[in-house]
Amino acid sequence: MMTGSGMAGRKNDGTLNRREVAAALLRDPGDLLVISGLGAPSYDAAAAGDRPLNFYLWGAMGGAAMIGLGLALAQPSRRVLVLTGDGEMLMGIGSLATIAAANASNLAVAVLDNARYGETGSQQSHTGLTTDLAAVAAACGWPTTTTARGMDEVEALRIRLRQEHLFAVLRIAPDEPPRHLPPRDGAYLAGRFRRALGQTED
């Protein structure tokens, strides 16, 4: 089932507070594996609560969804959530087709969409012009896509993102809260994440 956002050609209509959205989605995460995209989504995930099962991307823009897919395929008994932004998702848009084809049912993607490239000066992104990411994902073959504009919808998504192979767009306001920086040492983050998964160090 698909519920389209119907936003093509509309200006950014997001009003949700990004930190409140992330806090709601990541509340009581249990053993959920979280991959967060470069920039603000990683700040949001860290602000919601730093934990060893969070893997923050400090580079590889456009790669969050594919890293999530690799993790989901390697850990088929675990739930994986990719939390990323519209700019990052646009850069890695081909991953939507690959993930749909892989049919990794334990993977969900949540896009914090403020229609801005926040890391490079808050220029308007294509999602504030003509691109509907939920519609793109549906056309790529995702079984379920949705767009949330209210906190009641966000709260409902908290459970769905942990149960379904779901692509969700959350329309957040373009405001930029102060950065909440998670650890930045890539080797430390990778080692911490591996240990949390029960993997031994090489």
N, C-alpha and C. Protein backbone atom coordinates (compact mmCIF):
# COMPACT_ATOMS: atom_id res chain seq x y z
N MET A 1 0.84 -1.18 0.00
CA MET A 1 0.00 0.00 0.00
C MET A 1 0.88 1.23 0.00
N MET A 2 0.50 2.22 -0.77
CA MET A 2 1.24 3.48 -0.80
C MET A 2 0.31 4.63 -0.47
N THR A 3 0.79 5.53 0.37
CA THR A 3 0.07 6.78 0.58
C THR A 3 0.97 7.89 0.12
N GLY A 4 0.68 8.50 -0.98
CA GLY A 4 1.55 9.51 -1.56
C GLY A 4 1.40 10.84 -0.88
N SER A 5 2.44 11.67 -1.00
CA SER A 5 2.40 12.97 -0.34
C SER A 5 1.78 14.04 -1.21
N GLY A 6 1.77 13.83 -2.52
CA GLY A 6 1.16 14.79 -3.43
C GLY A 6 1.73 16.18 -3.33
N MET A 7 3.06 16.28 -3.12
CA MET A 7 3.62 17.60 -2.88
C MET A 7 4.35 18.16 -4.09
N ALA A 8 4.35 17.44 -5.21
CA ALA A 8 5.11 17.90 -6.37
C ALA A 8 4.71 19.32 -6.73
N GLY A 9 5.71 20.17 -6.91
CA GLY A 9 5.45 21.54 -7.30
C GLY A 9 5.11 22.47 -6.16
N ARG A 10 5.05 21.93 -4.92
CA ARG A 10 4.72 22.77 -3.78
C ARG A 10 5.98 23.21 -3.05
N LYS A 11 5.90 24.36 -2.39
CA LYS A 11 7.01 24.80 -1.56
C LYS A 11 7.08 23.92 -0.32
N ASN A 12 8.21 24.03 0.38
CA ASN A 12 8.37 23.27 1.60
C ASN A 12 7.22 23.57 2.56
N ASP A 13 6.51 22.53 2.97
CA ASP A 13 5.38 22.71 3.88
C ASP A 13 5.67 22.11 5.25
N GLY A 14 6.94 21.79 5.51
CA GLY A 14 7.26 21.14 6.77
C GLY A 14 7.21 22.09 7.95
N THR A 15 6.60 21.64 9.02
CA THR A 15 6.51 22.43 10.25
C THR A 15 7.00 21.67 11.47
N LEU A 16 7.30 20.39 11.33
CA LEU A 16 7.69 19.57 12.47
C LEU A 16 9.07 19.97 12.97
N ASN A 17 9.26 19.91 14.29
CA ASN A 17 10.55 20.17 14.91
C ASN A 17 11.43 18.93 14.77
N ARG A 18 12.56 19.06 14.11
CA ARG A 18 13.38 17.89 13.80
C ARG A 18 13.83 17.14 15.04
N ARG A 19 14.19 17.85 16.11
CA ARG A 19 14.65 17.18 17.32
C ARG A 19 13.52 16.41 17.99
N GLU A 20 12.32 16.97 17.95
CA GLU A 20 11.17 16.27 18.52
C GLU A 20 10.83 15.04 17.71
N VAL A 21 10.95 15.14 16.40
CA VAL A 21 10.69 14.00 15.53
C VAL A 21 11.68 12.88 15.81
N ALA A 22 12.98 13.21 15.84
CA ALA A 22 14.00 12.19 16.08
C ALA A 22 13.82 11.56 17.46
N ALA A 23 13.53 12.39 18.47
CA ALA A 23 13.33 11.87 19.81
C ALA A 23 12.15 10.90 19.86
N ALA A 24 11.09 11.22 19.13
CA ALA A 24 9.93 10.34 19.10
C ALA A 24 10.25 9.03 18.39
N LEU A 25 10.90 9.11 17.24
CA LEU A 25 11.21 7.90 16.47
C LEU A 25 12.17 6.97 17.20
N LEU A 26 13.09 7.56 17.97
CA LEU A 26 14.14 6.77 18.62
C LEU A 26 13.87 6.51 20.09
N ARG A 27 12.68 6.83 20.56
CA ARG A 27 12.34 6.57 21.95
C ARG A 27 12.28 5.07 22.22
N ASP A 28 12.86 4.65 23.33
CA ASP A 28 12.88 3.24 23.72
C ASP A 28 13.34 2.36 22.54
N PRO A 29 14.57 2.56 22.08
CA PRO A 29 15.01 1.86 20.87
C PRO A 29 15.27 0.37 21.03
N GLY A 30 15.46 -0.09 22.28
CA GLY A 30 15.76 -1.51 22.46
C GLY A 30 17.02 -1.89 21.70
N ASP A 31 16.93 -2.96 20.89
CA ASP A 31 18.11 -3.40 20.14
C ASP A 31 18.06 -2.96 18.68
N LEU A 32 17.29 -1.90 18.39
CA LEU A 32 17.22 -1.36 17.04
C LEU A 32 18.59 -0.86 16.60
N LEU A 33 18.99 -1.24 15.38
CA LEU A 33 20.25 -0.77 14.81
C LEU A 33 19.95 0.49 14.01
N VAL A 34 20.64 1.59 14.31
CA VAL A 34 20.35 2.88 13.69
C VAL A 34 21.58 3.38 12.92
N ILE A 35 21.38 3.63 11.62
CA ILE A 35 22.38 4.27 10.79
C ILE A 35 21.89 5.69 10.52
N SER A 36 22.68 6.69 10.86
CA SER A 36 22.24 8.07 10.63
C SER A 36 23.12 8.73 9.58
N GLY A 37 22.47 9.47 8.68
CA GLY A 37 23.16 10.10 7.56
C GLY A 37 24.03 11.27 7.98
N LEU A 38 24.88 11.65 7.07
CA LEU A 38 25.81 12.76 7.27
C LEU A 38 25.09 14.04 7.68
N GLY A 39 25.64 14.72 8.69
CA GLY A 39 25.11 16.01 9.07
C GLY A 39 24.01 15.96 10.11
N ALA A 40 22.98 16.77 9.91
CA ALA A 40 21.97 16.98 10.93
C ALA A 40 21.28 15.71 11.42
N PRO A 41 20.96 14.71 10.58
CA PRO A 41 20.35 13.50 11.12
C PRO A 41 21.21 12.81 12.19
N SER A 42 22.54 12.87 12.03
CA SER A 42 23.40 12.31 13.07
C SER A 42 23.36 13.15 14.33
N TYR A 43 23.30 14.47 14.18
CA TYR A 43 23.16 15.32 15.36
C TYR A 43 21.84 15.03 16.08
N ASP A 44 20.78 14.83 15.27
CA ASP A 44 19.46 14.55 15.85
C ASP A 44 19.45 13.21 16.58
N ALA A 45 20.06 12.19 15.98
CA ALA A 45 20.10 10.88 16.61
C ALA A 45 20.89 10.93 17.91
N ALA A 46 22.01 11.64 17.91
CA ALA A 46 22.81 11.76 19.12
C ALA A 46 22.06 12.53 20.20
N ALA A 47 21.34 13.58 19.80
CA ALA A 47 20.56 14.35 20.77
C ALA A 47 19.46 13.51 21.40
N ALA A 48 18.94 12.56 20.63
CA ALA A 48 17.90 11.66 21.15
C ALA A 48 18.47 10.64 22.12
N GLY A 49 19.80 10.46 22.10
CA GLY A 49 20.44 9.54 23.01
C GLY A 49 21.54 8.74 22.34
N ASP A 50 22.80 9.08 22.66
CA ASP A 50 23.92 8.33 22.09
C ASP A 50 23.92 6.92 22.66
N ARG A 51 24.21 5.94 21.80
CA ARG A 51 24.23 4.54 22.22
C ARG A 51 25.12 3.76 21.28
N PRO A 52 25.68 2.64 21.72
CA PRO A 52 26.58 1.87 20.87
C PRO A 52 25.93 1.33 19.60
N LEU A 53 24.62 1.16 19.58
CA LEU A 53 23.94 0.63 18.40
C LEU A 53 23.54 1.72 17.42
N ASN A 54 24.01 2.94 17.66
CA ASN A 54 23.91 4.02 16.66
C ASN A 54 25.21 4.08 15.89
N PHE A 55 25.11 4.14 14.56
CA PHE A 55 26.32 4.33 13.74
C PHE A 55 26.13 5.62 12.95
N TYR A 56 26.93 6.62 13.30
CA TYR A 56 26.82 7.95 12.70
C TYR A 56 27.76 8.06 11.51
N LEU A 57 27.24 8.57 10.39
CA LEU A 57 28.10 8.79 9.24
C LEU A 57 28.67 10.20 9.29
N TRP A 58 29.99 10.29 9.25
CA TRP A 58 30.67 11.57 9.19
C TRP A 58 31.20 11.86 7.79
N GLY A 59 30.89 10.99 6.87
CA GLY A 59 31.30 11.15 5.49
C GLY A 59 30.40 10.29 4.62
N ALA A 60 30.85 10.01 3.40
CA ALA A 60 30.11 9.13 2.48
C ALA A 60 28.68 9.62 2.25
N MET A 61 28.54 10.92 1.94
CA MET A 61 27.21 11.46 1.72
C MET A 61 26.52 10.70 0.59
N GLY A 62 25.29 10.31 0.83
CA GLY A 62 24.53 9.51 -0.13
C GLY A 62 24.59 8.03 0.16
N GLY A 63 25.39 7.62 1.14
CA GLY A 63 25.60 6.20 1.39
C GLY A 63 24.81 5.60 2.53
N ALA A 64 24.06 6.39 3.28
CA ALA A 64 23.41 5.88 4.48
C ALA A 64 22.46 4.72 4.19
N ALA A 65 21.62 4.87 3.17
CA ALA A 65 20.64 3.82 2.87
C ALA A 65 21.32 2.52 2.45
N MET A 66 22.41 2.62 1.67
CA MET A 66 23.10 1.41 1.23
C MET A 66 23.87 0.76 2.38
N ILE A 67 24.40 1.55 3.29
CA ILE A 67 25.02 0.97 4.48
C ILE A 67 23.96 0.25 5.30
N GLY A 68 22.78 0.86 5.39
CA GLY A 68 21.68 0.21 6.08
C GLY A 68 21.30 -1.11 5.42
N LEU A 69 21.29 -1.13 4.09
CA LEU A 69 20.97 -2.37 3.39
C LEU A 69 22.01 -3.45 3.68
N GLY A 70 23.28 -3.10 3.60
CA GLY A 70 24.32 -4.08 3.90
C GLY A 70 24.19 -4.65 5.30
N LEU A 71 23.90 -3.77 6.26
CA LEU A 71 23.72 -4.21 7.64
C LEU A 71 22.50 -5.11 7.76
N ALA A 72 21.40 -4.74 7.10
CA ALA A 72 20.18 -5.55 7.17
C ALA A 72 20.39 -6.94 6.58
N LEU A 73 21.15 -7.03 5.50
CA LEU A 73 21.43 -8.33 4.89
C LEU A 73 22.38 -9.15 5.76
N ALA A 74 23.32 -8.49 6.43
CA ALA A 74 24.28 -9.20 7.28
C ALA A 74 23.67 -9.61 8.61
N GLN A 75 22.62 -8.88 9.05
CA GLN A 75 21.98 -9.14 10.34
C GLN A 75 20.48 -9.35 10.12
N PRO A 76 20.08 -10.42 9.43
CA PRO A 76 18.67 -10.58 9.04
C PRO A 76 17.70 -10.74 10.21
N SER A 77 18.22 -11.06 11.39
CA SER A 77 17.33 -11.21 12.55
C SER A 77 17.17 -9.91 13.34
N ARG A 78 17.83 -8.84 12.89
CA ARG A 78 17.78 -7.56 13.59
C ARG A 78 17.03 -6.54 12.75
N ARG A 79 16.40 -5.59 13.42
CA ARG A 79 15.75 -4.48 12.73
C ARG A 79 16.75 -3.35 12.53
N VAL A 80 16.74 -2.78 11.33
CA VAL A 80 17.65 -1.70 10.97
C VAL A 80 16.83 -0.48 10.54
N LEU A 81 17.17 0.67 11.10
CA LEU A 81 16.54 1.93 10.71
C LEU A 81 17.60 2.89 10.20
N VAL A 82 17.39 3.41 9.01
CA VAL A 82 18.23 4.47 8.47
C VAL A 82 17.50 5.79 8.71
N LEU A 83 18.16 6.71 9.40
CA LEU A 83 17.62 8.05 9.64
C LEU A 83 18.50 9.02 8.85
N THR A 84 17.93 9.65 7.85
CA THR A 84 18.74 10.49 6.98
C THR A 84 17.97 11.73 6.58
N GLY A 85 18.60 12.58 5.75
CA GLY A 85 17.97 13.81 5.31
C GLY A 85 17.65 13.79 3.84
N ASP A 86 16.91 14.78 3.39
CA ASP A 86 16.50 14.82 1.98
C ASP A 86 17.69 15.02 1.05
N GLY A 87 18.65 15.89 1.44
CA GLY A 87 19.81 16.11 0.59
C GLY A 87 20.63 14.84 0.43
N GLU A 88 20.84 14.13 1.53
CA GLU A 88 21.61 12.89 1.51
C GLU A 88 20.88 11.82 0.70
N MET A 89 19.56 11.76 0.86
CA MET A 89 18.78 10.77 0.12
C MET A 89 18.76 11.07 -1.37
N LEU A 90 18.70 12.34 -1.73
CA LEU A 90 18.75 12.71 -3.14
C LEU A 90 20.08 12.31 -3.76
N MET A 91 21.17 12.47 -3.01
CA MET A 91 22.47 12.11 -3.57
C MET A 91 22.58 10.60 -3.77
N GLY A 92 21.93 9.82 -2.93
CA GLY A 92 21.98 8.36 -3.05
C GLY A 92 20.68 7.78 -3.56
N ILE A 93 20.00 8.50 -4.45
CA ILE A 93 18.64 8.11 -4.82
C ILE A 93 18.57 6.75 -5.51
N GLY A 94 19.65 6.35 -6.19
CA GLY A 94 19.64 5.05 -6.83
C GLY A 94 19.51 3.90 -5.84
N SER A 95 19.90 4.14 -4.58
CA SER A 95 19.80 3.10 -3.57
C SER A 95 18.36 2.66 -3.33
N LEU A 96 17.40 3.54 -3.60
CA LEU A 96 16.00 3.17 -3.39
C LEU A 96 15.60 2.00 -4.28
N ALA A 97 16.10 1.97 -5.51
CA ALA A 97 15.81 0.86 -6.42
C ALA A 97 16.51 -0.41 -5.97
N THR A 98 17.77 -0.28 -5.56
CA THR A 98 18.54 -1.45 -5.12
C THR A 98 17.93 -2.07 -3.88
N ILE A 99 17.53 -1.24 -2.93
CA ILE A 99 16.95 -1.75 -1.68
C ILE A 99 15.61 -2.44 -1.96
N ALA A 100 14.80 -1.84 -2.82
CA ALA A 100 13.52 -2.46 -3.16
C ALA A 100 13.74 -3.82 -3.81
N ALA A 101 14.72 -3.90 -4.70
CA ALA A 101 15.00 -5.17 -5.36
C ALA A 101 15.52 -6.21 -4.39
N ALA A 102 16.28 -5.77 -3.39
CA ALA A 102 16.84 -6.71 -2.40
C ALA A 102 15.77 -7.23 -1.46
N ASN A 103 14.68 -6.48 -1.29
CA ASN A 103 13.56 -6.90 -0.45
C ASN A 103 14.01 -7.26 0.96
N ALA A 104 14.81 -6.40 1.55
CA ALA A 104 15.28 -6.60 2.92
C ALA A 104 14.17 -6.16 3.88
N SER A 105 13.35 -7.09 4.30
CA SER A 105 12.15 -6.76 5.06
C SER A 105 12.45 -6.22 6.45
N ASN A 106 13.69 -6.37 6.93
CA ASN A 106 14.05 -5.88 8.26
C ASN A 106 14.62 -4.47 8.23
N LEU A 107 14.53 -3.79 7.07
CA LEU A 107 15.09 -2.45 6.91
C LEU A 107 14.00 -1.42 6.68
N ALA A 108 14.11 -0.30 7.36
CA ALA A 108 13.22 0.85 7.12
C ALA A 108 14.08 2.10 6.98
N VAL A 109 13.56 3.07 6.22
CA VAL A 109 14.26 4.33 6.02
C VAL A 109 13.33 5.47 6.39
N ALA A 110 13.82 6.39 7.21
CA ALA A 110 13.07 7.59 7.58
C ALA A 110 13.87 8.80 7.12
N VAL A 111 13.26 9.65 6.30
CA VAL A 111 13.93 10.83 5.75
C VAL A 111 13.40 12.09 6.44
N LEU A 112 14.28 12.80 7.12
CA LEU A 112 13.93 14.09 7.71
C LEU A 112 14.05 15.14 6.61
N ASP A 113 12.92 15.55 6.08
CA ASP A 113 12.89 16.37 4.86
C ASP A 113 12.54 17.82 5.20
N ASN A 114 13.57 18.69 5.17
CA ASN A 114 13.34 20.11 5.37
C ASN A 114 13.51 20.90 4.08
N ALA A 115 13.67 20.17 2.96
CA ALA A 115 13.84 20.79 1.64
C ALA A 115 15.04 21.72 1.61
N ARG A 116 16.09 21.35 2.32
CA ARG A 116 17.30 22.16 2.41
C ARG A 116 18.54 21.29 2.40
N TYR A 117 19.64 21.84 1.88
CA TYR A 117 20.96 21.25 2.03
C TYR A 117 21.61 21.94 3.22
N GLY A 118 21.37 21.41 4.40
CA GLY A 118 21.75 22.10 5.62
C GLY A 118 23.24 22.23 5.84
N GLU A 119 24.04 21.30 5.34
CA GLU A 119 25.47 21.32 5.62
C GLU A 119 26.24 22.29 4.73
N THR A 120 25.60 22.79 3.69
CA THR A 120 26.33 23.64 2.73
C THR A 120 25.74 25.03 2.58
N GLY A 121 24.90 25.44 3.52
CA GLY A 121 24.37 26.79 3.48
C GLY A 121 22.87 26.91 3.41
N SER A 122 22.17 25.79 3.58
CA SER A 122 20.71 25.77 3.61
C SER A 122 20.08 26.17 2.28
N GLN A 123 20.75 25.78 1.18
CA GLN A 123 20.15 26.00 -0.13
C GLN A 123 18.93 25.09 -0.28
N GLN A 124 17.96 25.53 -1.08
CA GLN A 124 16.75 24.73 -1.28
C GLN A 124 17.08 23.46 -2.05
N SER A 125 16.55 22.35 -1.58
CA SER A 125 16.76 21.08 -2.28
C SER A 125 15.59 20.81 -3.23
N HIS A 126 15.71 19.76 -4.02
CA HIS A 126 14.68 19.44 -5.00
C HIS A 126 13.35 19.07 -4.35
N THR A 127 13.39 18.62 -3.08
CA THR A 127 12.12 18.25 -2.45
C THR A 127 11.26 19.47 -2.12
N GLY A 128 11.85 20.65 -2.19
CA GLY A 128 11.08 21.87 -2.03
C GLY A 128 10.61 22.42 -3.36
N LEU A 129 10.94 21.71 -4.43
CA LEU A 129 10.58 22.16 -5.77
C LEU A 129 9.65 21.14 -6.43
N THR A 130 10.21 20.06 -6.95
CA THR A 130 9.40 19.13 -7.75
C THR A 130 9.51 17.67 -7.36
N THR A 131 10.40 17.33 -6.43
CA THR A 131 10.67 15.91 -6.17
C THR A 131 9.96 15.43 -4.92
N ASP A 132 9.21 14.34 -5.07
CA ASP A 132 8.50 13.68 -3.98
C ASP A 132 9.22 12.37 -3.70
N LEU A 133 10.02 12.32 -2.65
CA LEU A 133 10.82 11.13 -2.36
C LEU A 133 9.97 9.90 -2.09
N ALA A 134 8.83 10.08 -1.45
CA ALA A 134 7.97 8.92 -1.19
C ALA A 134 7.46 8.33 -2.51
N ALA A 135 7.11 9.19 -3.46
CA ALA A 135 6.65 8.72 -4.76
C ALA A 135 7.78 8.04 -5.53
N VAL A 136 9.01 8.57 -5.40
CA VAL A 136 10.17 7.94 -6.04
C VAL A 136 10.38 6.54 -5.48
N ALA A 137 10.34 6.41 -4.16
CA ALA A 137 10.53 5.10 -3.54
C ALA A 137 9.45 4.12 -3.99
N ALA A 138 8.22 4.58 -4.06
CA ALA A 138 7.14 3.70 -4.51
C ALA A 138 7.36 3.25 -5.95
N ALA A 139 7.81 4.17 -6.80
CA ALA A 139 8.07 3.81 -8.19
C ALA A 139 9.23 2.83 -8.31
N CYS A 140 10.14 2.86 -7.33
CA CYS A 140 11.26 1.92 -7.33
C CYS A 140 10.86 0.53 -6.84
N GLY A 141 9.66 0.42 -6.28
CA GLY A 141 9.18 -0.89 -5.86
C GLY A 141 9.05 -1.10 -4.37
N TRP A 142 9.25 -0.05 -3.57
CA TRP A 142 9.03 -0.21 -2.12
C TRP A 142 7.57 -0.58 -1.87
N PRO A 143 7.31 -1.56 -1.02
CA PRO A 143 5.93 -1.99 -0.80
C PRO A 143 5.07 -0.96 -0.08
N THR A 144 5.69 -0.15 0.76
CA THR A 144 4.94 0.84 1.52
C THR A 144 5.76 2.11 1.65
N THR A 145 5.14 3.24 1.31
CA THR A 145 5.76 4.55 1.53
C THR A 145 4.71 5.46 2.15
N THR A 146 5.19 6.45 2.88
CA THR A 146 4.26 7.38 3.52
C THR A 146 4.95 8.69 3.79
N THR A 147 4.17 9.74 4.00
CA THR A 147 4.69 11.06 4.36
C THR A 147 3.95 11.54 5.60
N ALA A 148 4.71 12.02 6.59
CA ALA A 148 4.14 12.49 7.85
C ALA A 148 4.36 13.99 7.98
N ARG A 149 3.30 14.68 8.38
CA ARG A 149 3.37 16.13 8.61
C ARG A 149 2.94 16.54 10.01
N GLY A 150 2.45 15.59 10.81
CA GLY A 150 2.01 15.89 12.16
C GLY A 150 2.62 14.93 13.16
N MET A 151 2.74 15.35 14.43
CA MET A 151 3.36 14.50 15.43
C MET A 151 2.54 13.25 15.72
N ASP A 152 1.24 13.29 15.50
CA ASP A 152 0.45 12.07 15.67
C ASP A 152 0.88 11.02 14.65
N GLU A 153 1.18 11.46 13.44
CA GLU A 153 1.67 10.54 12.41
C GLU A 153 3.07 10.04 12.74
N VAL A 154 3.89 10.91 13.30
CA VAL A 154 5.24 10.51 13.70
C VAL A 154 5.17 9.44 14.78
N GLU A 155 4.32 9.62 15.75
CA GLU A 155 4.18 8.63 16.83
C GLU A 155 3.75 7.28 16.28
N ALA A 156 2.84 7.28 15.32
CA ALA A 156 2.42 6.02 14.70
C ALA A 156 3.58 5.38 13.94
N LEU A 157 4.42 6.20 13.33
CA LEU A 157 5.54 5.68 12.57
C LEU A 157 6.61 5.06 13.46
N ARG A 158 6.70 5.48 14.70
CA ARG A 158 7.71 4.92 15.61
C ARG A 158 7.60 3.40 15.65
N ILE A 159 6.38 2.89 15.71
CA ILE A 159 6.18 1.44 15.75
C ILE A 159 6.33 0.85 14.36
N ARG A 160 5.75 1.48 13.36
CA ARG A 160 5.78 0.93 12.00
C ARG A 160 7.20 0.79 11.47
N LEU A 161 8.06 1.75 11.78
CA LEU A 161 9.44 1.70 11.30
C LEU A 161 10.22 0.55 11.91
N ARG A 162 9.70 -0.03 12.98
CA ARG A 162 10.36 -1.17 13.63
C ARG A 162 9.72 -2.50 13.24
N GLN A 163 8.71 -2.43 12.39
CA GLN A 163 7.99 -3.65 12.02
C GLN A 163 7.89 -3.87 10.52
N GLU A 164 7.97 -2.82 9.72
CA GLU A 164 7.69 -2.91 8.30
C GLU A 164 8.90 -2.52 7.45
N HIS A 165 8.89 -3.01 6.21
CA HIS A 165 9.85 -2.57 5.19
C HIS A 165 9.26 -1.29 4.61
N LEU A 166 9.54 -0.18 5.29
CA LEU A 166 8.81 1.07 5.08
C LEU A 166 9.77 2.20 4.73
N PHE A 167 9.35 3.03 3.78
CA PHE A 167 10.07 4.27 3.46
C PHE A 167 9.17 5.43 3.88
N ALA A 168 9.65 6.25 4.81
CA ALA A 168 8.84 7.33 5.35
C ALA A 168 9.55 8.67 5.19
N VAL A 169 8.80 9.66 4.76
CA VAL A 169 9.29 11.04 4.68
C VAL A 169 8.61 11.83 5.78
N LEU A 170 9.40 12.55 6.57
CA LEU A 170 8.87 13.36 7.66
C LEU A 170 9.17 14.81 7.35
N ARG A 171 8.12 15.61 7.18
CA ARG A 171 8.26 16.98 6.70
C ARG A 171 8.55 17.91 7.86
N ILE A 172 9.84 18.19 8.04
CA ILE A 172 10.29 19.01 9.16
C ILE A 172 10.49 20.46 8.73
N ALA A 173 10.49 21.34 9.70
CA ALA A 173 10.71 22.76 9.43
C ALA A 173 12.17 22.98 9.04
N PRO A 174 12.46 24.05 8.30
CA PRO A 174 13.84 24.31 7.87
C PRO A 174 14.74 24.88 8.96
N ASP A 175 14.21 25.10 10.15
CA ASP A 175 15.03 25.65 11.24
C ASP A 175 16.20 24.72 11.55
N GLU A 176 17.34 25.30 11.91
CA GLU A 176 18.53 24.52 12.25
C GLU A 176 18.83 24.69 13.75
N PRO A 177 18.53 23.68 14.56
CA PRO A 177 18.87 23.79 15.99
C PRO A 177 20.37 23.68 16.19
N PRO A 178 20.87 24.06 17.36
CA PRO A 178 22.30 23.94 17.64
C PRO A 178 22.77 22.50 17.43
N ARG A 179 23.97 22.35 16.92
CA ARG A 179 24.48 21.00 16.65
C ARG A 179 24.76 20.25 17.95
N HIS A 180 24.34 19.00 17.97
CA HIS A 180 24.63 18.10 19.08
C HIS A 180 25.54 17.03 18.51
N LEU A 181 26.84 17.19 18.70
CA LEU A 181 27.81 16.36 18.00
C LEU A 181 28.02 15.02 18.71
N PRO A 182 27.83 13.92 18.00
CA PRO A 182 28.18 12.61 18.55
C PRO A 182 29.68 12.39 18.41
N PRO A 183 30.21 11.27 18.90
CA PRO A 183 31.63 10.99 18.69
C PRO A 183 31.99 11.07 17.21
N ARG A 184 33.20 11.59 16.93
CA ARG A 184 33.60 11.81 15.55
C ARG A 184 34.71 10.87 15.08
N ASP A 185 35.22 10.05 15.97
CA ASP A 185 36.31 9.14 15.63
C ASP A 185 35.72 7.91 14.92
N GLY A 186 36.00 7.78 13.62
CA GLY A 186 35.41 6.71 12.84
C GLY A 186 35.80 5.33 13.33
N ALA A 187 37.08 5.15 13.70
CA ALA A 187 37.54 3.84 14.18
C ALA A 187 36.84 3.49 15.50
N TYR A 188 36.70 4.50 16.36
CA TYR A 188 36.00 4.26 17.63
C TYR A 188 34.55 3.86 17.39
N LEU A 189 33.86 4.59 16.50
CA LEU A 189 32.46 4.30 16.23
C LEU A 189 32.29 2.91 15.62
N ALA A 190 33.15 2.56 14.68
CA ALA A 190 33.06 1.24 14.05
C ALA A 190 33.32 0.13 15.07
N GLY A 191 34.33 0.32 15.90
CA GLY A 191 34.64 -0.69 16.91
C GLY A 191 33.54 -0.83 17.94
N ARG A 192 33.00 0.30 18.37
CA ARG A 192 31.91 0.27 19.35
C ARG A 192 30.69 -0.44 18.77
N PHE A 193 30.38 -0.14 17.52
CA PHE A 193 29.23 -0.75 16.87
C PHE A 193 29.43 -2.25 16.72
N ARG A 194 30.61 -2.67 16.29
CA ARG A 194 30.90 -4.10 16.14
C ARG A 194 30.78 -4.82 17.47
N ARG A 195 31.30 -4.24 18.51
CA ARG A 195 31.21 -4.89 19.83
C ARG A 195 29.76 -4.99 20.29
N ALA A 196 28.97 -3.95 20.01
CA ALA A 196 27.56 -3.99 20.40
C ALA A 196 26.79 -5.07 19.64
N LEU A 197 27.26 -5.39 18.44
CA LEU A 197 26.67 -6.47 17.66
C LEU A 197 27.20 -7.85 18.05
N GLY A 198 28.17 -7.88 18.97
CA GLY A 198 28.75 -9.13 19.39
C GLY A 198 29.83 -9.63 18.47
N GLN A 199 30.37 -8.73 17.62
CA GLN A 199 31.43 -9.12 16.70
C GLN A 199 32.78 -8.94 17.37
N THR A 200 33.66 -9.88 17.16
CA THR A 200 34.99 -9.77 17.73
C THR A 200 35.86 -8.88 16.87
N GLU A 201 36.83 -8.24 17.48
CA GLU A 201 37.74 -7.37 16.75
C GLU A 201 38.74 -8.23 15.97
N ASP A 202 39.11 -7.76 14.77
CA ASP A 202 40.12 -8.47 13.98
C ASP A 202 41.50 -8.29 14.63
